[in-house]
Amino acid sequence: MKEMKNLHSIEEVDNFIEVNRLSFIYISRTNCSVCHALLPKVKEMMTQYPEIRLAHVNVDDVEEIAGHLSIFTVPVLLLNAEGKEMIREARFVQMDQLNDKISRIYEFNT
């Protein structure tokens, strides 16, 4: 599976988005069963996209991230291209549809 960097502050999140042309951030909470079930599926899917850098933020550790990124539920999956948010999925994610969206953006940006 692909390596996922853990981010621990808003500054780290903003920097991660800024320095990586294609960035994917997975936002979850410690006691979220949906978050824990979805994460391995996301990691596996992302192996198809070697140019996308992955990161994880735990809202329990970085509570202010919810306001900073307008997050109302978890998990939240964000794909950024050139610093611009291109995909936002939350809570119950349809993996096939997400993969199709990522594939189109990936092809356009690589």
PDB file of N, CA and C in Angstrom:
ATOM      1  N   MET A   1       0.826  -1.183   0.000  1.00  0.00           N
ATOM      2  CA  MET A   1       0.000   0.000   0.000  1.00  0.00           C
ATOM      3  C   MET A   1       0.871   1.248   0.000  1.00  0.00           C
ATOM      4  N   LYS A   2       0.270   2.308  -0.381  1.00  0.00           N
ATOM      5  CA  LYS A   2       0.967   3.574  -0.510  1.00  0.00           C
ATOM      6  C   LYS A   2       1.174   4.240   0.856  1.00  0.00           C
ATOM      7  N   GLU A   3       2.304   4.932   0.999  1.00  0.00           N
ATOM      8  CA  GLU A   3       2.609   5.631   2.239  1.00  0.00           C
ATOM      9  C   GLU A   3       1.684   6.829   2.427  1.00  0.00           C
ATOM     10  N   MET A   4       1.233   7.013   3.665  1.00  0.00           N
ATOM     11  CA  MET A   4       0.349   8.126   3.993  1.00  0.00           C
ATOM     12  C   MET A   4       0.989   8.919   5.123  1.00  0.00           C
ATOM     13  N   LYS A   5       1.250  10.196   4.866  1.00  0.00           N
ATOM     14  CA  LYS A   5       1.887  11.064   5.850  1.00  0.00           C
ATOM     15  C   LYS A   5       0.841  11.563   6.843  1.00  0.00           C
ATOM     16  N   ASN A   6       1.170  11.549   8.127  1.00  0.00           N
ATOM     17  CA  ASN A   6       0.284  12.083   9.157  1.00  0.00           C
ATOM     18  C   ASN A   6       0.581  13.558   9.360  1.00  0.00           C
ATOM     19  N   LEU A   7      -0.468  14.370   9.304  1.00  0.00           N
ATOM     20  CA  LEU A   7      -0.331  15.812   9.491  1.00  0.00           C
ATOM     21  C   LEU A   7      -0.939  16.186  10.839  1.00  0.00           C
ATOM     22  N   HIS A   8      -0.257  17.108  11.563  1.00  0.00           N
ATOM     23  CA  HIS A   8      -0.658  17.401  12.934  1.00  0.00           C
ATOM     24  C   HIS A   8      -0.992  18.865  13.197  1.00  0.00           C
ATOM     25  N   SER A   9      -1.099  19.674  12.137  1.00  0.00           N
ATOM     26  CA  SER A   9      -1.459  21.086  12.327  1.00  0.00           C
ATOM     27  C   SER A   9      -2.037  21.640  11.029  1.00  0.00           C
ATOM     28  N   ILE A  10      -2.733  22.752  11.148  1.00  0.00           N
ATOM     29  CA  ILE A  10      -3.265  23.421   9.957  1.00  0.00           C
ATOM     30  C   ILE A  10      -2.122  23.847   9.046  1.00  0.00           C
ATOM     31  N   GLU A  11      -1.030  24.299   9.633  1.00  0.00           N
ATOM     32  CA  GLU A  11       0.125  24.723   8.835  1.00  0.00           C
ATOM     33  C   GLU A  11       0.675  23.559   8.015  1.00  0.00           C
ATOM     34  N   GLU A  12       0.753  22.367   8.613  1.00  0.00           N
ATOM     35  CA  GLU A  12       1.227  21.188   7.882  1.00  0.00           C
ATOM     36  C   GLU A  12       0.273  20.839   6.742  1.00  0.00           C
ATOM     37  N   VAL A  13      -1.029  20.959   6.978  1.00  0.00           N
ATOM     38  CA  VAL A  13      -2.020  20.666   5.943  1.00  0.00           C
ATOM     39  C   VAL A  13      -1.870  21.652   4.788  1.00  0.00           C
ATOM     40  N   ASP A  14      -1.818  22.939   5.103  1.00  0.00           N
ATOM     41  CA  ASP A  14      -1.681  23.957   4.055  1.00  0.00           C
ATOM     42  C   ASP A  14      -0.386  23.779   3.272  1.00  0.00           C
ATOM     43  N   ASN A  15       0.699  23.472   3.972  1.00  0.00           N
ATOM     44  CA  ASN A  15       1.984  23.261   3.309  1.00  0.00           C
ATOM     45  C   ASN A  15       1.944  22.027   2.416  1.00  0.00           C
ATOM     46  N   PHE A  16       1.321  20.949   2.898  1.00  0.00           N
ATOM     47  CA  PHE A  16       1.215  19.711   2.114  1.00  0.00           C
ATOM     48  C   PHE A  16       0.479  19.976   0.797  1.00  0.00           C
ATOM     49  N   ILE A  17      -0.615  20.728   0.864  1.00  0.00           N
ATOM     50  CA  ILE A  17      -1.379  21.061  -0.340  1.00  0.00           C
ATOM     51  C   ILE A  17      -0.553  21.938  -1.273  1.00  0.00           C
ATOM     52  N   GLU A  18       0.194  22.860  -0.694  1.00  0.00           N
ATOM     53  CA  GLU A  18       0.963  23.814  -1.491  1.00  0.00           C
ATOM     54  C   GLU A  18       2.148  23.175  -2.215  1.00  0.00           C
ATOM     55  N   VAL A  19       2.874  22.292  -1.541  1.00  0.00           N
ATOM     56  CA  VAL A  19       4.105  21.749  -2.132  1.00  0.00           C
ATOM     57  C   VAL A  19       3.886  20.538  -3.033  1.00  0.00           C
ATOM     58  N   ASN A  20       2.717  19.909  -2.945  1.00  0.00           N
ATOM     59  CA  ASN A  20       2.446  18.741  -3.782  1.00  0.00           C
ATOM     60  C   ASN A  20       1.452  19.106  -4.884  1.00  0.00           C
ATOM     61  N   ARG A  21       1.864  18.900  -6.117  1.00  0.00           N
ATOM     62  CA  ARG A  21       1.001  19.223  -7.258  1.00  0.00           C
ATOM     63  C   ARG A  21      -0.340  18.508  -7.175  1.00  0.00           C
ATOM     64  N   LEU A  22      -0.312  17.237  -6.806  1.00  0.00           N
ATOM     65  CA  LEU A  22      -1.530  16.447  -6.578  1.00  0.00           C
ATOM     66  C   LEU A  22      -1.477  15.922  -5.146  1.00  0.00           C
ATOM     67  N   SER A  23      -2.444  16.321  -4.333  1.00  0.00           N
ATOM     68  CA  SER A  23      -2.450  15.879  -2.935  1.00  0.00           C
ATOM     69  C   SER A  23      -3.826  15.347  -2.568  1.00  0.00           C
ATOM     70  N   PHE A  24      -3.815  14.313  -1.750  1.00  0.00           N
ATOM     71  CA  PHE A  24      -5.043  13.674  -1.285  1.00  0.00           C
ATOM     72  C   PHE A  24      -4.974  13.630   0.227  1.00  0.00           C
ATOM     73  N   ILE A  25      -5.977  14.207   0.885  1.00  0.00           N
ATOM     74  CA  ILE A  25      -5.992  14.243   2.340  1.00  0.00           C
ATOM     75  C   ILE A  25      -7.210  13.478   2.847  1.00  0.00           C
ATOM     76  N   TYR A  26      -6.953  12.556   3.755  1.00  0.00           N
ATOM     77  CA  TYR A  26      -7.994  11.739   4.378  1.00  0.00           C
ATOM     78  C   TYR A  26      -8.167  12.256   5.803  1.00  0.00           C
ATOM     79  N   ILE A  27      -9.371  12.730   6.118  1.00  0.00           N
ATOM     80  CA  ILE A  27      -9.641  13.312   7.425  1.00  0.00           C
ATOM     81  C   ILE A  27     -10.604  12.399   8.173  1.00  0.00           C
ATOM     82  N   SER A  28     -10.205  12.016   9.390  1.00  0.00           N
ATOM     83  CA  SER A  28     -11.009  11.067  10.160  1.00  0.00           C
ATOM     84  C   SER A  28     -10.970  11.415  11.644  1.00  0.00           C
ATOM     85  N   ARG A  29     -11.650  10.587  12.423  1.00  0.00           N
ATOM     86  CA  ARG A  29     -11.627  10.680  13.887  1.00  0.00           C
ATOM     87  C   ARG A  29     -11.222   9.318  14.442  1.00  0.00           C
ATOM     88  N   THR A  30     -10.769   9.319  15.664  1.00  0.00           N
ATOM     89  CA  THR A  30     -10.292   8.090  16.297  1.00  0.00           C
ATOM     90  C   THR A  30     -11.392   7.039  16.432  1.00  0.00           C
ATOM     91  N   ASN A  31     -12.566   7.423  16.898  1.00  0.00           N
ATOM     92  CA  ASN A  31     -13.635   6.453  17.171  1.00  0.00           C
ATOM     93  C   ASN A  31     -14.683   6.386  16.066  1.00  0.00           C
ATOM     94  N   CYS A  32     -14.278   6.530  14.825  1.00  0.00           N
ATOM     95  CA  CYS A  32     -15.200   6.518  13.687  1.00  0.00           C
ATOM     96  C   CYS A  32     -15.047   5.186  12.945  1.00  0.00           C
ATOM     97  N   SER A  33     -16.062   4.334  13.044  1.00  0.00           N
ATOM     98  CA  SER A  33     -15.969   3.019  12.409  1.00  0.00           C
ATOM     99  C   SER A  33     -15.966   3.123  10.883  1.00  0.00           C
ATOM    100  N   VAL A  34     -16.719   4.067  10.333  1.00  0.00           N
ATOM    101  CA  VAL A  34     -16.721   4.263   8.878  1.00  0.00           C
ATOM    102  C   VAL A  34     -15.327   4.684   8.417  1.00  0.00           C
ATOM    103  N   CYS A  35     -14.702   5.576   9.175  1.00  0.00           N
ATOM    104  CA  CYS A  35     -13.343   6.041   8.840  1.00  0.00           C
ATOM    105  C   CYS A  35     -12.364   4.878   8.770  1.00  0.00           C
ATOM    106  N   HIS A  36     -12.414   4.016   9.775  1.00  0.00           N
ATOM    107  CA  HIS A  36     -11.465   2.900   9.838  1.00  0.00           C
ATOM    108  C   HIS A  36     -11.744   1.848   8.769  1.00  0.00           C
ATOM    109  N   ALA A  37     -12.989   1.676   8.385  1.00  0.00           N
ATOM    110  CA  ALA A  37     -13.332   0.707   7.342  1.00  0.00           C
ATOM    111  C   ALA A  37     -12.949   1.218   5.959  1.00  0.00           C
ATOM    112  N   LEU A  38     -13.064   2.507   5.740  1.00  0.00           N
ATOM    113  CA  LEU A  38     -12.819   3.088   4.420  1.00  0.00           C
ATOM    114  C   LEU A  38     -11.329   3.300   4.120  1.00  0.00           C
ATOM    115  N   LEU A  39     -10.543   3.589   5.139  1.00  0.00           N
ATOM    116  CA  LEU A  39      -9.136   3.927   4.924  1.00  0.00           C
ATOM    117  C   LEU A  39      -8.350   2.877   4.137  1.00  0.00           C
ATOM    118  N   PRO A  40      -8.415   1.585   4.450  1.00  0.00           N
ATOM    119  CA  PRO A  40      -7.654   0.605   3.656  1.00  0.00           C
ATOM    120  C   PRO A  40      -8.090   0.564   2.189  1.00  0.00           C
ATOM    121  N   LYS A  41      -9.374   0.764   1.939  1.00  0.00           N
ATOM    122  CA  LYS A  41      -9.874   0.780   0.561  1.00  0.00           C
ATOM    123  C   LYS A  41      -9.300   1.973  -0.210  1.00  0.00           C
ATOM    124  N   VAL A  42      -9.248   3.107   0.464  1.00  0.00           N
ATOM    125  CA  VAL A  42      -8.698   4.314  -0.169  1.00  0.00           C
ATOM    126  C   VAL A  42      -7.207   4.119  -0.453  1.00  0.00           C
ATOM    127  N   LYS A  43      -6.474   3.618   0.518  1.00  0.00           N
ATOM    128  CA  LYS A  43      -5.031   3.385   0.322  1.00  0.00           C
ATOM    129  C   LYS A  43      -4.788   2.444  -0.852  1.00  0.00           C
ATOM    130  N   GLU A  44      -5.562   1.376  -0.926  1.00  0.00           N
ATOM    131  CA  GLU A  44      -5.408   0.411  -2.018  1.00  0.00           C
ATOM    132  C   GLU A  44      -5.711   1.062  -3.367  1.00  0.00           C
ATOM    133  N   MET A  45      -6.795   1.814  -3.444  1.00  0.00           N
ATOM    134  CA  MET A  45      -7.165   2.485  -4.689  1.00  0.00           C
ATOM    135  C   MET A  45      -6.083   3.467  -5.127  1.00  0.00           C
ATOM    136  N   MET A  46      -5.484   4.162  -4.182  1.00  0.00           N
ATOM    137  CA  MET A  46      -4.514   5.204  -4.515  1.00  0.00           C
ATOM    138  C   MET A  46      -3.198   4.646  -5.052  1.00  0.00           C
ATOM    139  N   THR A  47      -2.981   3.334  -4.954  1.00  0.00           N
ATOM    140  CA  THR A  47      -1.769   2.755  -5.536  1.00  0.00           C
ATOM    141  C   THR A  47      -1.772   2.905  -7.058  1.00  0.00           C
ATOM    142  N   GLN A  48      -2.945   3.118  -7.650  1.00  0.00           N
ATOM    143  CA  GLN A  48      -3.048   3.324  -9.099  1.00  0.00           C
ATOM    144  C   GLN A  48      -2.544   4.699  -9.531  1.00  0.00           C
ATOM    145  N   TYR A  49      -2.323   5.584  -8.565  1.00  0.00           N
ATOM    146  CA  TYR A  49      -2.001   6.980  -8.875  1.00  0.00           C
ATOM    147  C   TYR A  49      -0.691   7.389  -8.195  1.00  0.00           C
ATOM    148  N   PRO A  50       0.431   6.990  -8.774  1.00  0.00           N
ATOM    149  CA  PRO A  50       1.724   7.225  -8.120  1.00  0.00           C
ATOM    150  C   PRO A  50       2.097   8.697  -7.942  1.00  0.00           C
ATOM    151  N   GLU A  51       1.529   9.582  -8.718  1.00  0.00           N
ATOM    152  CA  GLU A  51       1.873  11.008  -8.616  1.00  0.00           C
ATOM    153  C   GLU A  51       1.101  11.725  -7.505  1.00  0.00           C
ATOM    154  N   ILE A  52       0.082  11.094  -6.951  1.00  0.00           N
ATOM    155  CA  ILE A  52      -0.709  11.724  -5.895  1.00  0.00           C
ATOM    156  C   ILE A  52      -0.078  11.401  -4.543  1.00  0.00           C
ATOM    157  N   ARG A  53       0.208  12.448  -3.772  1.00  0.00           N
ATOM    158  CA  ARG A  53       0.760  12.290  -2.433  1.00  0.00           C
ATOM    159  C   ARG A  53      -0.394  12.199  -1.437  1.00  0.00           C
ATOM    160  N   LEU A  54      -0.272  11.287  -0.473  1.00  0.00           N
ATOM    161  CA  LEU A  54      -1.338  11.027   0.489  1.00  0.00           C
ATOM    162  C   LEU A  54      -0.992  11.549   1.875  1.00  0.00           C
ATOM    163  N   ALA A  55      -2.029  12.054   2.552  1.00  0.00           N
ATOM    164  CA  ALA A  55      -1.855  12.490   3.940  1.00  0.00           C
ATOM    165  C   ALA A  55      -3.115  12.154   4.728  1.00  0.00           C
ATOM    166  N   HIS A  56      -2.938  12.081   6.031  1.00  0.00           N
ATOM    167  CA  HIS A  56      -4.040  11.774   6.946  1.00  0.00           C
ATOM    168  C   HIS A  56      -4.056  12.818   8.061  1.00  0.00           C
ATOM    169  N   VAL A  57      -5.258  13.278   8.415  1.00  0.00           N
ATOM    170  CA  VAL A  57      -5.434  14.190   9.540  1.00  0.00           C
ATOM    171  C   VAL A  57      -6.488  13.595  10.464  1.00  0.00           C
ATOM    172  N   ASN A  58      -6.151  13.493  11.741  1.00  0.00           N
ATOM    173  CA  ASN A  58      -7.113  13.049  12.741  1.00  0.00           C
ATOM    174  C   ASN A  58      -7.704  14.294  13.390  1.00  0.00           C
ATOM    175  N   VAL A  59      -9.013  14.495  13.239  1.00  0.00           N
ATOM    176  CA  VAL A  59      -9.682  15.680  13.768  1.00  0.00           C
ATOM    177  C   VAL A  59      -9.554  15.752  15.289  1.00  0.00           C
ATOM    178  N   ASP A  60      -9.415  14.613  15.940  1.00  0.00           N
ATOM    179  CA  ASP A  60      -9.245  14.624  17.393  1.00  0.00           C
ATOM    180  C   ASP A  60      -7.919  15.274  17.790  1.00  0.00           C
ATOM    181  N   ASP A  61      -6.915  15.208  16.923  1.00  0.00           N
ATOM    182  CA  ASP A  61      -5.605  15.815  17.189  1.00  0.00           C
ATOM    183  C   ASP A  61      -5.527  17.259  16.699  1.00  0.00           C
ATOM    184  N   VAL A  62      -6.253  17.567  15.626  1.00  0.00           N
ATOM    185  CA  VAL A  62      -6.219  18.904  15.012  1.00  0.00           C
ATOM    186  C   VAL A  62      -7.665  19.399  14.901  1.00  0.00           C
ATOM    187  N   GLU A  63      -8.250  19.730  16.028  1.00  0.00           N
ATOM    188  CA  GLU A  63      -9.670  20.080  16.059  1.00  0.00           C
ATOM    189  C   GLU A  63     -10.012  21.282  15.179  1.00  0.00           C
ATOM    190  N   GLU A  64      -9.101  22.239  15.073  1.00  0.00           N
ATOM    191  CA  GLU A  64      -9.368  23.451  14.293  1.00  0.00           C
ATOM    192  C   GLU A  64      -9.425  23.201  12.790  1.00  0.00           C
ATOM    193  N   ILE A  65      -9.039  22.006  12.348  1.00  0.00           N
ATOM    194  CA  ILE A  65      -9.085  21.687  10.920  1.00  0.00           C
ATOM    195  C   ILE A  65     -10.520  21.689  10.408  1.00  0.00           C
ATOM    196  N   ALA A  66     -11.471  21.339  11.275  1.00  0.00           N
ATOM    197  CA  ALA A  66     -12.879  21.298  10.862  1.00  0.00           C
ATOM    198  C   ALA A  66     -13.334  22.671  10.381  1.00  0.00           C
ATOM    199  N   GLY A  67     -13.035  23.705  11.128  1.00  0.00           N
ATOM    200  CA  GLY A  67     -13.402  25.056  10.715  1.00  0.00           C
ATOM    201  C   GLY A  67     -12.583  25.540   9.544  1.00  0.00           C
ATOM    202  N   HIS A  68     -11.300  25.208   9.539  1.00  0.00           N
ATOM    203  CA  HIS A  68     -10.393  25.658   8.484  1.00  0.00           C
ATOM    204  C   HIS A  68     -10.795  25.129   7.104  1.00  0.00           C
ATOM    205  N   LEU A  69     -11.263  23.884   7.062  1.00  0.00           N
ATOM    206  CA  LEU A  69     -11.626  23.260   5.789  1.00  0.00           C
ATOM    207  C   LEU A  69     -13.136  23.039   5.637  1.00  0.00           C
ATOM    208  N   SER A  70     -13.921  23.635   6.501  1.00  0.00           N
ATOM    209  CA  SER A  70     -15.396  23.506   6.460  1.00  0.00           C
ATOM    210  C   SER A  70     -15.830  22.036   6.455  1.00  0.00           C
ATOM    211  N   ILE A  71     -15.403  21.317   7.474  1.00  0.00           N
ATOM    212  CA  ILE A  71     -15.718  19.898   7.602  1.00  0.00           C
ATOM    213  C   ILE A  71     -16.802  19.727   8.664  1.00  0.00           C
ATOM    214  N   PHE A  72     -17.874  19.029   8.287  1.00  0.00           N
ATOM    215  CA  PHE A  72     -19.006  18.851   9.187  1.00  0.00           C
ATOM    216  C   PHE A  72     -19.205  17.412   9.626  1.00  0.00           C
ATOM    217  N   THR A  73     -18.555  16.470   8.960  1.00  0.00           N
ATOM    218  CA  THR A  73     -18.653  15.059   9.301  1.00  0.00           C
ATOM    219  C   THR A  73     -17.348  14.393   8.888  1.00  0.00           C
ATOM    220  N   VAL A  74     -17.157  13.164   9.309  1.00  0.00           N
ATOM    221  CA  VAL A  74     -15.983  12.394   8.885  1.00  0.00           C
ATOM    222  C   VAL A  74     -16.450  11.020   8.436  1.00  0.00           C
ATOM    223  N   PRO A  75     -15.698  10.340   7.597  1.00  0.00           N
ATOM    224  CA  PRO A  75     -14.460  10.810   6.987  1.00  0.00           C
ATOM    225  C   PRO A  75     -14.720  11.809   5.862  1.00  0.00           C
ATOM    226  N   VAL A  76     -13.693  12.604   5.596  1.00  0.00           N
ATOM    227  CA  VAL A  76     -13.706  13.514   4.453  1.00  0.00           C
ATOM    228  C   VAL A  76     -12.480  13.192   3.616  1.00  0.00           C
ATOM    229  N   LEU A  77     -12.683  13.112   2.307  1.00  0.00           N
ATOM    230  CA  LEU A  77     -11.605  12.829   1.375  1.00  0.00           C
ATOM    231  C   LEU A  77     -11.477  14.029   0.453  1.00  0.00           C
ATOM    232  N   LEU A  78     -10.289  14.617   0.411  1.00  0.00           N
ATOM    233  CA  LEU A  78     -10.054  15.810  -0.398  1.00  0.00           C
ATOM    234  C   LEU A  78      -8.937  15.557  -1.394  1.00  0.00           C
ATOM    235  N   LEU A  79      -9.201  15.834  -2.658  1.00  0.00           N
ATOM    236  CA  LEU A  79      -8.167  15.779  -3.683  1.00  0.00           C
ATOM    237  C   LEU A  79      -7.918  17.194  -4.166  1.00  0.00           C
ATOM    238  N   ASN A  80      -6.662  17.612  -4.097  1.00  0.00           N
ATOM    239  CA  ASN A  80      -6.266  18.937  -4.557  1.00  0.00           C
ATOM    240  C   ASN A  80      -5.310  18.799  -5.725  1.00  0.00           C
ATOM    241  N   ALA A  81      -5.488  19.655  -6.727  1.00  0.00           N
ATOM    242  CA  ALA A  81      -4.582  19.713  -7.874  1.00  0.00           C
ATOM    243  C   ALA A  81      -4.101  21.152  -7.997  1.00  0.00           C
ATOM    244  N   GLU A  82      -2.790  21.327  -7.975  1.00  0.00           N
ATOM    245  CA  GLU A  82      -2.204  22.670  -8.057  1.00  0.00           C
ATOM    246  C   GLU A  82      -2.755  23.580  -6.963  1.00  0.00           C
ATOM    247  N   GLY A  83      -3.007  23.019  -5.765  1.00  0.00           N
ATOM    248  CA  GLY A  83      -3.481  23.799  -4.641  1.00  0.00           C
ATOM    249  C   GLY A  83      -4.972  24.078  -4.621  1.00  0.00           C
ATOM    250  N   LYS A  84      -5.696  23.600  -5.627  1.00  0.00           N
ATOM    251  CA  LYS A  84      -7.135  23.854  -5.722  1.00  0.00           C
ATOM    252  C   LYS A  84      -7.901  22.568  -5.416  1.00  0.00           C
ATOM    253  N   GLU A  85      -8.911  22.690  -4.554  1.00  0.00           N
ATOM    254  CA  GLU A  85      -9.724  21.519  -4.216  1.00  0.00           C
ATOM    255  C   GLU A  85     -10.537  21.093  -5.427  1.00  0.00           C
ATOM    256  N   MET A  86     -10.357  19.843  -5.838  1.00  0.00           N
ATOM    257  CA  MET A  86     -11.043  19.310  -7.022  1.00  0.00           C
ATOM    258  C   MET A  86     -12.131  18.298  -6.642  1.00  0.00           C
ATOM    259  N   ILE A  87     -11.898  17.551  -5.579  1.00  0.00           N
ATOM    260  CA  ILE A  87     -12.863  16.540  -5.143  1.00  0.00           C
ATOM    261  C   ILE A  87     -13.005  16.638  -3.630  1.00  0.00           C
ATOM    262  N   ARG A  88     -14.245  16.555  -3.183  1.00  0.00           N
ATOM    263  CA  ARG A  88     -14.558  16.465  -1.754  1.00  0.00           C
ATOM    264  C   ARG A  88     -15.651  15.422  -1.598  1.00  0.00           C
ATOM    265  N   GLU A  89     -15.341  14.367  -0.892  1.00  0.00           N
ATOM    266  CA  GLU A  89     -16.315  13.316  -0.587  1.00  0.00           C
ATOM    267  C   GLU A  89     -16.373  13.184   0.927  1.00  0.00           C
ATOM    268  N   ALA A  90     -17.549  12.887   1.453  1.00  0.00           N
ATOM    269  CA  ALA A  90     -17.684  12.775   2.901  1.00  0.00           C
ATOM    270  C   ALA A  90     -18.614  11.632   3.282  1.00  0.00           C
ATOM    271  N   ARG A  91     -18.368  11.120   4.478  1.00  0.00           N
ATOM    272  CA  ARG A  91     -19.138  10.075   5.149  1.00  0.00           C
ATOM    273  C   ARG A  91     -19.222   8.769   4.356  1.00  0.00           C
ATOM    274  N   PHE A  92     -20.291   8.573   3.597  1.00  0.00           N
ATOM    275  CA  PHE A  92     -20.445   7.321   2.851  1.00  0.00           C
ATOM    276  C   PHE A  92     -20.001   7.542   1.414  1.00  0.00           C
ATOM    277  N   VAL A  93     -18.863   6.978   1.059  1.00  0.00           N
ATOM    278  CA  VAL A  93     -18.206   7.230  -0.221  1.00  0.00           C
ATOM    279  C   VAL A  93     -18.414   6.050  -1.156  1.00  0.00           C
ATOM    280  N   GLN A  94     -18.863   6.326  -2.358  1.00  0.00           N
ATOM    281  CA  GLN A  94     -18.978   5.303  -3.399  1.00  0.00           C
ATOM    282  C   GLN A  94     -17.601   5.184  -4.067  1.00  0.00           C
ATOM    283  N   MET A  95     -16.899   4.104  -3.796  1.00  0.00           N
ATOM    284  CA  MET A  95     -15.513   3.964  -4.248  1.00  0.00           C
ATOM    285  C   MET A  95     -15.385   3.977  -5.767  1.00  0.00           C
ATOM    286  N   ASP A  96     -16.305   3.336  -6.483  1.00  0.00           N
ATOM    287  CA  ASP A  96     -16.234   3.323  -7.948  1.00  0.00           C
ATOM    288  C   ASP A  96     -16.363   4.732  -8.517  1.00  0.00           C
ATOM    289  N   GLN A  97     -17.307   5.491  -8.003  1.00  0.00           N
ATOM    290  CA  GLN A  97     -17.502   6.865  -8.479  1.00  0.00           C
ATOM    291  C   GLN A  97     -16.302   7.733  -8.124  1.00  0.00           C
ATOM    292  N   LEU A  98     -15.774   7.563  -6.915  1.00  0.00           N
ATOM    293  CA  LEU A  98     -14.592   8.317  -6.510  1.00  0.00           C
ATOM    294  C   LEU A  98     -13.410   7.994  -7.422  1.00  0.00           C
ATOM    295  N   ASN A  99     -13.213   6.721  -7.719  1.00  0.00           N
ATOM    296  CA  ASN A  99     -12.120   6.310  -8.586  1.00  0.00           C
ATOM    297  C   ASN A  99     -12.260   6.934  -9.983  1.00  0.00           C
ATOM    298  N   ASP A 100     -13.471   6.979 -10.510  1.00  0.00           N
ATOM    299  CA  ASP A 100     -13.703   7.603 -11.822  1.00  0.00           C
ATOM    300  C   ASP A 100     -13.336   9.081 -11.797  1.00  0.00           C
ATOM    301  N   LYS A 101     -13.740   9.786 -10.747  1.00  0.00           N
ATOM    302  CA  LYS A 101     -13.433  11.214 -10.633  1.00  0.00           C
ATOM    303  C   LYS A 101     -11.930  11.444 -10.534  1.00  0.00           C
ATOM    304  N   ILE A 102     -11.272  10.654  -9.684  1.00  0.00           N
ATOM    305  CA  ILE A 102      -9.823  10.801  -9.513  1.00  0.00           C
ATOM    306  C   ILE A 102      -9.110  10.493 -10.818  1.00  0.00           C
ATOM    307  N   SER A 103      -9.545   9.452 -11.517  1.00  0.00           N
ATOM    308  CA  SER A 103      -8.923   9.059 -12.773  1.00  0.00           C
ATOM    309  C   SER A 103      -8.947  10.190 -13.798  1.00  0.00           C
ATOM    310  N   ARG A 104     -10.091  10.858 -13.918  1.00  0.00           N
ATOM    311  CA  ARG A 104     -10.192  11.976 -14.877  1.00  0.00           C
ATOM    312  C   ARG A 104      -9.252  13.119 -14.509  1.00  0.00           C
ATOM    313  N   ILE A 105      -9.224  13.473 -13.239  1.00  0.00           N
ATOM    314  CA  ILE A 105      -8.364  14.567 -12.801  1.00  0.00           C
ATOM    315  C   ILE A 105      -6.891  14.179 -12.941  1.00  0.00           C
ATOM    316  N   TYR A 106      -6.577  12.940 -12.625  1.00  0.00           N
ATOM    317  CA  TYR A 106      -5.206  12.445 -12.704  1.00  0.00           C
ATOM    318  C   TYR A 106      -4.697  12.493 -14.141  1.00  0.00           C
ATOM    319  N   GLU A 107      -5.500  12.015 -15.062  1.00  0.00           N
ATOM    320  CA  GLU A 107      -5.102  12.016 -16.473  1.00  0.00           C
ATOM    321  C   GLU A 107      -4.880  13.433 -16.980  1.00  0.00           C
ATOM    322  N   PHE A 108      -5.697  14.358 -16.545  1.00  0.00           N
ATOM    323  CA  PHE A 108      -5.578  15.748 -16.977  1.00  0.00           C
ATOM    324  C   PHE A 108      -4.342  16.426 -16.401  1.00  0.00           C
ATOM    325  N   ASN A 109      -3.923  16.014 -15.203  1.00  0.00           N
ATOM    326  CA  ASN A 109      -2.834  16.696 -14.495  1.00  0.00           C
ATOM    327  C   ASN A 109      -1.493  15.967 -14.519  1.00  0.00           C
ATOM    328  N   THR A 110      -1.406  14.852 -15.276  1.00  0.00           N
ATOM    329  CA  THR A 110      -0.103  14.169 -15.361  1.00  0.00           C
ATOM    330  C   THR A 110       0.339  14.043 -16.793  1.00  0.00           C
TER     331      THR A 110
END
